[in-house]
Amino acid sequence: MRILASCVISLGVLLSGCVTTKTTQINPDLPTMSGLKTISDMTEIAFEWPLMAQSNISGFYLYRSNPNANNQLNAIAKLEDKFITHYVDSNLAPSTEYIYELRTYDNQGNISAEGERISVTTMPLIESVSFIQALYGLPNKIKVLWRPHPDLRVVSYILEKSALSSNNWHEVARINGRLNVEYIDNDVEPGQNYRYRISVKTYNGIISAPSKVVDAQTKALPNMVINLSASVNLPKKIILTWEPNSNDDFDHYAIYRATNDIFPMTKVATTTATEYEDLINDNGVNYHYKVTVVDRDGLESPRQNASVVGSTLPAPKEPVFSYARFNGSLVELSWNQSSDSRALKYKITKTSSNGEDIIYDIDGLSYSDTQVQKGVEYTYKIQAVDEYGLESKYSQKAVVITK
């Protein structure tokens, strides 16, 4: 039975811990131990001694000195069978010297005199991988490669990461299998530097010191679009323009639009040109725009801090009637357009009990309607029309009765 508690023993005093709780006496008739053989590992030492089945003993005590303890021996195990010839001391520190002594004890609990003391040193801690590399310039990822560990006891690798300016390491992954030699880290930001190191783990849970540190930088985002502008005076459309992108692996531009600065933007188009024509079937409306660059790896540049605002051309102002009257044979109409100089022509909509007529392409600010009948009520509305064919709202109605 292994006793892991430290148990100090000296002549004529109490053995502490749980190995024994009675005063221990030396029995000079008990055989002393010599010829203790050992095999060392990183955290374990195995013992072997000759079979003592013919002796008048009940078992063995194994004593050990802890490191830097001035060779003071502590009872670490009570082996309650004289036929035992092997024992393994575990949970030791690598590259550390220990002093051991094995004594016999009888059925009264008395122990033998001192036997041979031996010095045993544990093996050095297993080294990490001899080669590790991190690849630069990958989009939104860093690939880490290493050489397979030659020690067959290795069962997995522990990959750790830190920021370039930090010594705070955290575990990224555990890669099982001695022959697995790569890991792709997707938890990264574009254009950022990261450091990596690897420790190896053996089948019995021993973890090496970290490997050398390597670093890598992810691919940076494309350059932001600059000098973005939007038209404000075109009919039924807004034209965006910007400067060409300088990235070597440019793929396309993405155009985003919103109706105001509060609502989120929606991608409305992509293009490889440095101009975009947004066709809008409405007059005098505003839209907010941002444009980004997308490279061949799908990385997208930052958007502009502030959107640019484009507008479609508003419709002309509606005319204002000066007068509308019947002179006995025709209807005379007159209006003014003093608040808007864009009107080139005018359009009159005439309604009566006979139906609706539209009169197009009227030049000037007056019109004489000869197509009237006496005793009929006519209603007139006028619209201004500019050079692009944009029509104003209707003027106020003018009602004329041909008496």
Protein backbone atom coordinates (compact mmCIF):
# COMPACT_ATOMS: atom_id res chain seq x y z
CA MET A 1 0.00 0.00 0.00
CA ARG A 2 1.39 3.44 -0.98
CA ILE A 3 1.35 6.14 1.66
CA LEU A 4 1.71 9.56 0.01
CA ALA A 5 1.84 11.62 3.23
CA SER A 6 5.26 12.66 4.47
CA CYS A 7 6.17 10.70 7.59
CA VAL A 8 9.30 11.68 9.53
CA ILE A 9 11.11 8.97 11.48
CA SER A 10 13.95 9.04 14.00
CA LEU A 11 15.09 6.68 16.74
CA GLY A 12 12.97 6.70 19.86
CA VAL A 13 10.46 9.24 18.56
CA LEU A 14 6.99 9.03 17.07
CA LEU A 15 6.61 8.41 13.34
CA SER A 16 4.30 11.19 12.14
CA GLY A 17 1.45 10.86 9.63
CA CYS A 18 -0.41 7.68 8.83
CA VAL A 19 2.41 5.16 8.32
CA THR A 20 2.45 4.31 12.03
CA THR A 21 1.25 5.88 15.26
CA LYS A 22 3.34 4.03 17.85
CA THR A 23 6.82 4.65 19.18
CA THR A 24 9.28 2.98 16.81
CA GLN A 25 12.13 0.92 18.20
CA ILE A 26 15.16 -0.46 16.44
CA ASN A 27 15.25 -4.27 16.23
CA PRO A 28 18.91 -5.17 15.60
CA ASP A 29 17.88 -8.68 14.54
CA LEU A 30 16.00 -7.43 11.51
CA PRO A 31 17.93 -7.56 8.26
CA THR A 32 19.09 -4.28 6.78
CA MET A 33 18.63 -3.48 3.13
CA SER A 34 21.25 -3.02 0.44
CA GLY A 35 21.44 -3.60 -3.28
CA LEU A 36 18.44 -1.36 -4.00
CA LYS A 37 18.09 -0.98 -7.78
CA THR A 38 16.33 1.95 -9.47
CA ILE A 39 15.01 3.11 -12.82
CA SER A 40 14.29 6.83 -13.23
CA ASP A 41 11.74 8.69 -15.30
CA MET A 42 10.82 12.40 -15.35
CA THR A 43 8.41 12.24 -12.41
CA GLU A 44 8.77 8.64 -11.19
CA ILE A 45 11.44 6.38 -9.76
CA ALA A 46 10.98 2.59 -9.76
CA PHE A 47 12.67 0.40 -7.10
CA GLU A 48 13.62 -3.28 -7.00
CA TRP A 49 15.26 -5.28 -4.18
CA PRO A 50 15.99 -8.94 -3.44
CA LEU A 51 13.21 -11.22 -2.22
CA MET A 52 13.32 -11.65 1.56
CA ALA A 53 10.68 -14.36 2.01
CA GLN A 54 12.80 -16.34 4.53
CA SER A 55 13.41 -13.38 6.84
CA ASN A 56 11.54 -12.65 10.07
CA ILE A 57 10.03 -9.47 8.71
CA SER A 58 6.48 -8.26 8.02
CA GLY A 59 7.18 -5.64 5.37
CA PHE A 60 9.14 -2.55 4.47
CA TYR A 61 9.27 1.19 5.05
CA LEU A 62 10.57 3.38 2.23
CA TYR A 63 12.12 6.71 3.22
CA ARG A 64 12.92 9.68 1.02
CA SER A 65 14.49 13.07 1.40
CA ASN A 66 12.67 15.96 -0.21
CA PRO A 67 14.77 18.39 -2.28
CA ASN A 68 16.64 21.00 -0.22
CA ALA A 69 15.63 19.25 3.02
CA ASN A 70 19.19 18.67 4.32
CA ASN A 71 18.89 14.95 3.65
CA GLN A 72 16.19 14.53 6.31
CA LEU A 73 14.36 11.31 5.48
CA ASN A 74 10.58 11.03 5.49
CA ALA A 75 8.63 7.78 5.45
CA ILE A 76 6.66 7.82 2.19
CA ALA A 77 5.34 4.26 2.02
CA LYS A 78 4.61 1.26 4.21
CA LEU A 79 4.71 -1.98 2.22
CA GLU A 80 2.79 -4.56 4.26
CA ASP A 81 4.03 -7.74 2.62
CA LYS A 82 7.52 -9.23 2.83
CA PHE A 83 7.10 -10.76 -0.62
CA ILE A 84 7.02 -7.32 -2.24
CA THR A 85 10.16 -6.58 -4.26
CA HIS A 86 9.06 -3.55 -6.34
CA TYR A 87 7.72 -0.05 -5.73
CA VAL A 88 7.23 3.14 -7.81
CA ASP A 89 7.54 6.58 -6.23
CA SER A 90 5.48 9.08 -8.27
CA ASN A 91 4.69 12.80 -8.48
CA LEU A 92 8.35 13.79 -8.34
CA ALA A 93 10.03 16.83 -9.84
CA PRO A 94 12.08 16.40 -13.03
CA SER A 95 15.87 16.81 -12.90
CA THR A 96 15.83 16.52 -9.11
CA GLU A 97 18.04 14.47 -6.77
CA TYR A 98 16.39 12.39 -4.01
CA ILE A 99 17.94 10.25 -1.25
CA TYR A 100 16.23 6.92 -0.45
CA GLU A 101 16.54 4.26 2.22
CA LEU A 102 14.59 1.01 2.60
CA ARG A 103 14.12 -0.59 6.06
CA THR A 104 12.36 -3.72 7.17
CA TYR A 105 9.94 -3.96 10.06
CA ASP A 106 8.58 -6.85 12.18
CA ASN A 107 5.12 -7.76 13.40
CA GLN A 108 5.63 -5.53 16.45
CA GLY A 109 6.27 -2.51 14.28
CA ASN A 110 9.95 -2.37 15.14
CA ILE A 111 12.26 -1.36 12.32
CA SER A 112 15.68 -2.47 11.21
CA ALA A 113 18.82 -0.46 11.64
CA GLU A 114 19.87 1.90 8.89
CA GLY A 115 20.58 0.30 5.57
CA GLU A 116 22.20 1.57 2.44
CA ARG A 117 21.22 5.08 1.38
CA ILE A 118 21.16 5.76 -2.34
CA SER A 119 20.95 8.94 -4.41
CA VAL A 120 18.63 8.92 -7.40
CA THR A 121 17.98 11.78 -9.84
CA THR A 122 14.85 12.02 -11.96
CA MET A 123 15.22 12.54 -15.69
CA PRO A 124 14.96 16.02 -17.22
CA LEU A 125 11.54 17.28 -18.27
CA ILE A 126 10.68 16.33 -21.82
CA GLU A 127 11.47 19.08 -24.30
CA SER A 128 8.87 20.65 -26.53
CA VAL A 129 8.88 20.52 -30.33
CA SER A 130 12.14 21.47 -32.02
CA PHE A 131 10.52 23.43 -34.84
CA ILE A 132 7.45 25.70 -34.92
CA GLN A 133 6.32 28.19 -37.54
CA ALA A 134 3.39 30.59 -37.96
CA LEU A 135 2.39 31.76 -41.45
CA TYR A 136 2.04 35.46 -42.20
CA GLY A 137 -0.57 37.23 -44.30
CA LEU A 138 -3.51 34.82 -44.25
CA PRO A 139 -7.02 36.34 -44.37
CA ASN A 140 -8.71 36.22 -40.96
CA LYS A 141 -6.61 33.27 -39.80
CA ILE A 142 -3.13 32.19 -38.77
CA LYS A 143 -1.77 28.75 -39.55
CA VAL A 144 0.69 27.26 -37.05
CA LEU A 145 2.95 24.37 -38.09
CA TRP A 146 5.43 22.27 -36.11
CA ARG A 147 7.62 19.19 -36.47
CA PRO A 148 6.26 15.92 -34.99
CA HIS A 149 7.82 15.15 -31.64
CA PRO A 150 10.17 12.16 -31.86
CA ASP A 151 9.30 10.84 -28.39
CA LEU A 152 6.66 8.13 -28.65
CA ARG A 153 5.35 9.05 -25.21
CA VAL A 154 3.89 12.28 -26.58
CA VAL A 155 0.13 12.05 -27.13
CA SER A 156 -0.92 15.65 -27.68
CA TYR A 157 0.18 19.25 -28.19
CA ILE A 158 -0.95 22.32 -26.24
CA LEU A 159 -1.04 25.50 -28.33
CA GLU A 160 -0.97 28.86 -26.54
CA LYS A 161 -1.37 32.39 -27.89
CA SER A 162 -0.75 35.93 -26.72
CA ALA A 163 -0.89 39.40 -28.21
CA LEU A 164 2.40 40.70 -29.53
CA SER A 165 2.71 43.28 -26.73
CA SER A 166 1.54 41.00 -23.92
CA ASN A 167 2.94 38.16 -21.80
CA ASN A 168 -0.50 36.88 -20.90
CA TRP A 169 -0.72 33.48 -22.56
CA HIS A 170 -3.94 31.53 -22.96
CA GLU A 171 -4.62 28.09 -24.35
CA VAL A 172 -5.95 28.02 -27.89
CA ALA A 173 -6.31 24.30 -28.50
CA ARG A 174 -5.17 20.80 -27.58
CA ILE A 175 -4.23 18.80 -30.65
CA ASN A 176 -4.39 15.06 -30.04
CA GLY A 177 -2.03 12.69 -31.82
CA ARG A 178 1.75 12.91 -32.00
CA LEU A 179 1.69 13.12 -35.79
CA ASN A 180 -0.83 15.98 -36.03
CA VAL A 181 1.32 18.99 -36.83
CA GLU A 182 -0.84 21.97 -37.72
CA TYR A 183 -3.57 24.19 -36.34
CA ILE A 184 -5.48 27.04 -38.02
CA ASP A 185 -6.48 29.79 -35.61
CA ASN A 186 -9.61 31.60 -36.84
CA ASP A 187 -10.08 33.65 -33.69
CA VAL A 188 -8.03 36.59 -34.96
CA GLU A 189 -8.51 40.13 -36.23
CA PRO A 190 -7.33 41.50 -39.60
CA GLY A 191 -3.93 43.17 -39.64
CA GLN A 192 -3.03 42.06 -36.09
CA ASN A 193 0.09 40.34 -34.73
CA TYR A 194 -0.09 37.28 -32.49
CA ARG A 195 2.49 35.09 -30.76
CA TYR A 196 2.32 31.31 -30.40
CA ARG A 197 4.12 28.57 -28.48
CA ILE A 198 3.61 24.81 -28.02
CA SER A 199 4.00 22.41 -25.11
CA VAL A 200 3.82 18.63 -25.47
CA LYS A 201 1.94 16.26 -23.19
CA THR A 202 2.88 12.64 -22.55
CA TYR A 203 0.58 9.69 -22.05
CA ASN A 204 0.98 9.95 -18.26
CA GLY A 205 0.06 13.64 -18.15
CA ILE A 206 3.53 15.22 -18.06
CA ILE A 207 3.61 18.60 -19.82
CA SER A 208 6.85 19.99 -21.21
CA ALA A 209 8.08 23.54 -20.98
CA PRO A 210 6.88 25.73 -23.88
CA SER A 211 8.66 25.80 -27.20
CA LYS A 212 10.29 28.89 -28.62
CA VAL A 213 7.85 31.70 -29.42
CA VAL A 214 6.88 32.51 -33.00
CA ASP A 215 4.68 35.33 -34.26
CA ALA A 216 2.60 36.09 -37.32
CA GLN A 217 0.36 38.84 -38.63
CA THR A 218 -2.98 38.37 -40.31
CA LYS A 219 -3.68 39.95 -43.67
CA ALA A 220 -4.66 43.59 -43.37
CA LEU A 221 -7.98 44.92 -44.62
CA PRO A 222 -7.99 46.72 -47.98
CA ASN A 223 -7.51 50.47 -47.99
CA MET A 224 -10.62 52.51 -47.35
CA VAL A 225 -12.36 54.25 -50.23
CA ILE A 226 -11.52 57.97 -50.26
CA ASN A 227 -13.04 61.09 -51.80
CA LEU A 228 -16.49 59.58 -52.07
CA SER A 229 -19.03 62.06 -53.45
CA ALA A 230 -22.68 61.92 -54.48
CA SER A 231 -24.62 64.03 -56.96
CA VAL A 232 -27.46 66.31 -55.83
CA ASN A 233 -28.85 67.71 -59.11
CA LEU A 234 -29.66 64.83 -61.43
CA PRO A 235 -33.17 63.70 -62.33
CA LYS A 236 -34.31 60.29 -61.06
CA LYS A 237 -30.81 59.18 -60.09
CA ILE A 238 -27.80 59.74 -57.86
CA ILE A 239 -24.28 59.18 -59.18
CA LEU A 240 -21.51 58.20 -56.78
CA THR A 241 -17.84 58.68 -57.61
CA TRP A 242 -14.61 57.92 -55.72
CA GLU A 243 -10.88 57.50 -56.24
CA PRO A 244 -9.49 54.17 -57.54
CA ASN A 245 -8.27 51.64 -54.99
CA SER A 246 -4.53 50.90 -54.80
CA ASN A 247 -4.62 47.34 -53.41
CA ASP A 248 -2.93 44.75 -55.64
CA ASP A 249 -5.54 42.08 -54.95
CA PHE A 250 -8.57 44.33 -55.45
CA ASP A 251 -11.73 42.49 -56.47
CA HIS A 252 -14.69 44.87 -56.33
CA TYR A 253 -16.43 47.73 -54.56
CA ALA A 254 -19.56 47.33 -52.42
CA ILE A 255 -22.15 50.13 -52.29
CA TYR A 256 -24.27 50.60 -49.17
CA ARG A 257 -27.32 52.84 -48.88
CA ALA A 258 -29.75 54.04 -46.21
CA THR A 259 -32.56 56.56 -46.10
CA ASN A 260 -31.05 58.34 -43.09
CA ASP A 261 -28.21 58.15 -40.54
CA ILE A 262 -30.31 56.20 -38.03
CA PHE A 263 -31.34 53.16 -40.06
CA PRO A 264 -28.73 50.49 -40.84
CA MET A 265 -27.24 50.50 -44.32
CA THR A 266 -28.09 47.86 -46.89
CA LYS A 267 -25.76 46.68 -49.64
CA VAL A 268 -27.45 47.61 -52.90
CA ALA A 269 -24.79 46.82 -55.51
CA THR A 270 -21.22 45.82 -56.34
CA THR A 271 -19.04 47.17 -59.12
CA THR A 272 -15.47 47.21 -60.36
CA ALA A 273 -15.79 50.80 -61.65
CA THR A 274 -15.15 53.94 -59.63
CA GLU A 275 -18.65 55.23 -60.34
CA TYR A 276 -22.12 53.98 -59.56
CA GLU A 277 -25.45 55.24 -60.89
CA ASP A 278 -28.30 54.67 -58.47
CA LEU A 279 -31.59 54.91 -60.40
CA ILE A 280 -34.39 56.25 -58.22
CA ASN A 281 -37.94 56.76 -59.41
CA ASP A 282 -38.62 59.76 -57.24
CA ASN A 283 -37.88 63.47 -57.19
CA GLY A 284 -36.09 65.43 -54.48
CA VAL A 285 -35.25 62.48 -52.21
CA ASN A 286 -32.06 62.05 -50.16
CA TYR A 287 -30.03 58.88 -49.62
CA HIS A 288 -26.97 58.21 -47.46
CA TYR A 289 -24.11 56.20 -48.99
CA LYS A 290 -20.91 54.42 -48.02
CA VAL A 291 -18.59 52.44 -50.31
CA THR A 292 -16.06 49.75 -49.37
CA VAL A 293 -13.33 47.76 -51.09
CA VAL A 294 -13.41 43.94 -51.16
CA ASP A 295 -10.27 41.97 -52.03
CA ARG A 296 -9.94 38.55 -53.63
CA ASP A 297 -9.97 36.85 -50.22
CA GLY A 298 -13.26 38.49 -49.30
CA LEU A 299 -11.73 40.95 -46.84
CA GLU A 300 -13.66 44.21 -46.80
CA SER A 301 -12.23 47.61 -46.03
CA PRO A 302 -13.63 49.82 -43.27
CA ARG A 303 -16.54 52.05 -44.23
CA GLN A 304 -16.30 55.81 -44.14
CA ASN A 305 -16.88 57.36 -40.74
CA ALA A 306 -19.60 59.58 -42.11
CA SER A 307 -21.89 58.80 -45.00
CA VAL A 308 -22.20 61.04 -48.04
CA VAL A 309 -25.66 62.32 -48.91
CA GLY A 310 -26.92 62.37 -52.46
CA SER A 311 -30.20 63.79 -53.77
CA THR A 312 -32.32 63.45 -56.84
CA LEU A 313 -33.35 66.63 -58.58
CA PRO A 314 -36.59 67.98 -57.13
CA ALA A 315 -39.53 68.74 -59.41
CA PRO A 316 -40.03 72.36 -60.54
CA LYS A 317 -42.20 74.63 -58.45
CA GLU A 318 -45.85 74.64 -59.41
CA PRO A 319 -47.21 77.71 -61.25
CA VAL A 320 -49.53 80.25 -59.62
CA PHE A 321 -52.62 81.43 -61.49
CA SER A 322 -52.83 85.15 -62.20
CA TYR A 323 -56.35 84.93 -63.65
CA ALA A 324 -58.77 82.60 -65.44
CA ARG A 325 -61.79 84.16 -67.23
CA PHE A 326 -64.26 83.69 -70.06
CA ASN A 327 -64.41 86.60 -72.51
CA GLY A 328 -67.56 85.45 -74.32
CA SER A 329 -65.82 83.27 -76.89
CA LEU A 330 -62.79 81.64 -75.21
CA VAL A 331 -61.19 81.08 -71.82
CA GLU A 332 -58.14 83.18 -71.03
CA LEU A 333 -55.59 81.73 -68.60
CA SER A 334 -52.54 83.48 -67.16
CA TRP A 335 -50.00 82.41 -64.50
CA ASN A 336 -46.58 83.27 -63.20
CA GLN A 337 -43.46 81.28 -62.32
CA SER A 338 -41.47 83.88 -60.46
CA SER A 339 -40.17 81.42 -57.78
CA ASP A 340 -38.59 78.93 -60.22
CA SER A 341 -36.60 79.50 -63.39
CA ARG A 342 -36.36 75.84 -64.40
CA ALA A 343 -39.74 75.62 -66.14
CA LEU A 344 -39.41 75.43 -69.94
CA LYS A 345 -42.92 74.40 -70.83
CA TYR A 346 -46.27 73.94 -69.17
CA LYS A 347 -48.97 71.33 -69.16
CA ILE A 348 -52.66 72.12 -68.59
CA THR A 349 -55.22 69.57 -67.41
CA LYS A 350 -58.79 70.61 -68.20
CA THR A 351 -61.83 68.78 -66.81
CA SER A 352 -65.54 69.28 -67.37
CA SER A 353 -68.70 67.30 -67.69
CA ASN A 354 -67.41 66.29 -71.09
CA GLY A 355 -64.35 64.57 -69.63
CA GLU A 356 -60.66 65.38 -69.22
CA ASP A 357 -58.27 66.90 -71.75
CA ILE A 358 -54.52 67.47 -71.40
CA ILE A 359 -52.80 70.24 -73.28
CA TYR A 360 -49.02 69.78 -73.65
CA ASP A 361 -46.00 71.90 -74.55
CA ILE A 362 -47.32 75.32 -73.80
CA ASP A 363 -44.75 78.07 -74.12
CA GLY A 364 -45.05 81.26 -72.15
CA LEU A 365 -47.18 82.17 -69.16
CA SER A 366 -50.60 82.36 -70.80
CA TYR A 367 -52.99 80.26 -72.84
CA SER A 368 -56.26 80.87 -74.66
CA ASP A 369 -58.62 77.89 -74.71
CA THR A 370 -60.91 78.10 -77.72
CA GLN A 371 -62.22 74.58 -77.31
CA VAL A 372 -65.03 75.48 -74.97
CA GLN A 373 -68.82 75.39 -75.02
CA LYS A 374 -71.15 77.89 -73.48
CA GLY A 375 -72.91 77.01 -70.30
CA VAL A 376 -70.24 74.55 -69.16
CA GLU A 377 -68.08 74.65 -66.02
CA TYR A 378 -64.38 74.06 -66.70
CA THR A 379 -61.65 73.33 -64.14
CA TYR A 380 -58.02 74.04 -65.02
CA LYS A 381 -54.77 72.88 -63.35
CA ILE A 382 -51.27 73.76 -64.58
CA GLN A 383 -47.93 71.96 -64.18
CA ALA A 384 -44.47 73.28 -64.95
CA VAL A 385 -42.14 70.99 -66.93
CA ASP A 386 -38.32 71.36 -66.87
CA GLU A 387 -35.63 70.33 -69.40
CA TYR A 388 -35.57 66.73 -68.04
CA GLY A 389 -39.33 66.32 -68.34
CA LEU A 390 -39.84 66.57 -64.57
CA GLU A 391 -43.34 67.82 -63.84
CA SER A 392 -44.25 70.04 -60.93
CA LYS A 393 -47.16 69.51 -58.66
CA TYR A 394 -50.51 70.79 -59.88
CA SER A 395 -51.26 74.43 -59.37
CA GLN A 396 -54.36 75.40 -57.49
CA LYS A 397 -57.53 74.85 -59.47
CA ALA A 398 -59.10 77.60 -61.51
CA VAL A 399 -62.84 77.20 -62.26
CA VAL A 400 -64.40 79.02 -65.21
CA ILE A 401 -68.09 78.92 -66.24
CA THR A 402 -68.74 79.86 -69.82
CA LYS A 403 -71.96 81.89 -69.46
